[in-house]
Amino acid sequence: MSANDIYQTPLTSRYASNQMKEIFSARSRANTWRTLWIDLAEAERELGLDISAEGIEQMKAHRIMTDEDFKVAAEEEKRRRHDVMAHVHAFGLVAPKAAGIIHYGATSCYCTDNADLIFQRDALDLLLPKLATIIHKIAQFALEFKDLPTLGYTHFQPAQLITVGRRATQWVQDLLMDLEDIKRVRGDLRYRGAQGTTGTQASFMEIFNGDGDKIDQLNEILCKKAGFPSCYSISTQTYSRKVDLRIANALSSFGATAQRISSDIRHLANLKELEEPFEKDQIGSSAMAYKRNPMRSERIAAIGRHLANLNKNANDTYAAQWFERTLDDSAIRRITIPEMFLSADAVCMALDNVVSGFVVYPNRIHSRVMEELPFMATEVIIMRMVASGGSRQEAHEEIRVLSHQASDVVKKQGGKNDLIDRIKATKYFEPVWADLDNLMDPKNFIGRCVHQVEKYCGPGGEVETALAEWRDQIRSSKAVELSL
């Protein structure tokens, strides 16, 4: 049966990277379990238990699961209804000298939980430089367009002007918050280690004849082998599912940010101000040949939405744990943990591709600014009339009447905004006539946009400081190419 004959999640068949898919693959999981058993046997031997070097060498020789090993484990699991013990059996068949000591003193969660912590650590390490690179690229885009005025929107109605770069800087700040959250949960990760059936280490007290110091040494050795600084101080049969929830919250927040950014891009594409890359032979619509649909941004929104909701699974799983452990955490975690990382990875890939090839249309942006700028200039005109000795209330009323007339021309007649011409033709405003042409420069209305972008995204700014540890990876990165 080929892959085309069975369902595959689109995250693995279409969207996520091979590196992320490999981390959560069945072979990676099985190989990691075998590595954990080798680590345990070596540590126990080092601490004086009767475990032969020959047995450990056999285990090491078969660290990598073969397809035949998988078949054996599958048959055994069908019989035993226990995946860990099925793999213990399969490992023992190829390492008979170690068969009697594989999994010695351990519980299933020694394998499953420690492996999940390893997978999540490695997946976070894969995501962080990808996200840092995206932030860097958007920051560079922001600097490039820091002084290009564009319409700002509140309630999706034209508001005061902003710049293209200043809007992108808001995206940068939100993504930087996500980077900090993800970095924090990565830095807080610890190992479960060898803790026994309820976290009391009772089984290891039996093995080491009540010598608690040796149990501490055992976990120090296991942590060192697995690359963790230490174990969680307190575990039950499992490490606390609060750990999964904290990671899920950080990744789900990134999913929400991705939706928000992609929504802005999609709206700007509709306004014909900014577009995502569009390939030479890309087809936007099967019926409407002229269309340039923002399909990558729509994909980001879709997968980001899925990611943003996955923390609910982690929340409910943590909340539903009874006492020292219930197994209703198992199936849902097998689904949720890989999916949240595959989703985050897919979002990173698509977002990197989009921001690496932004297409900006300055003339279109300027045209739209000039449609609204006369209305935005009215406040300044009123203030200058007052400065020349006029009444604010009279100036306000005169402007109000002319503004409504100009608005009718735009809305009812489909004409251009002629408010400035009307002001020039109204004797009352003669004191400011000489100022009007200079006043209509959009850069007079962008406030501190340029300063804010340079301070935040420029040399020595918050972005540069936050991304410093990924500088080499950012420099060597290439734009992600999407195959679909």
Foldseek 3Di string as FASTA:
>chain_A
DDPVVDDDPCLVVAFFDPVLCVLLDPQVLLLQLLVLQLLLLVLVVVLPDPADPLLSVQSVVCSGDDPVLVVQLVVVCVVVVDNVVSSLVSSCVSRVSCSVCRQPLADPQSRVQQSLLLSLLVLLVVLLLLLLLLLLLLLVVLLVFLQQWFFDDDVNDTDFIAIPSLVSVVLSVLSLVLSVLSVVLSVVRAGAAGQHQFRPSVSVCVVVVNPVVSVLSSQCSSCVVSVGPGHDPGATNHRQLVSVLSNLQSLLSVLVSLLVVLVVQQVCVVLVFKAFDDDPPDADDPVDRVDDHRVLSVVSNVLSVVSNPLSVLSVVLNVPADRRGDCVNPPSCSPRVSSNSSSSSSSSQSSLRRSVGMDGDSVSRVVVCLQCLVVVLLVVLLVVLVVVPDDSVVSVVVLVVLQVVQVCCCPVVVDGRCSLVVLCVDPSSVVCNVVVVVSSPSSVRHPCSSVVSCQASHPPHPSCVSSVVSVVVSVPDDRRDGPD
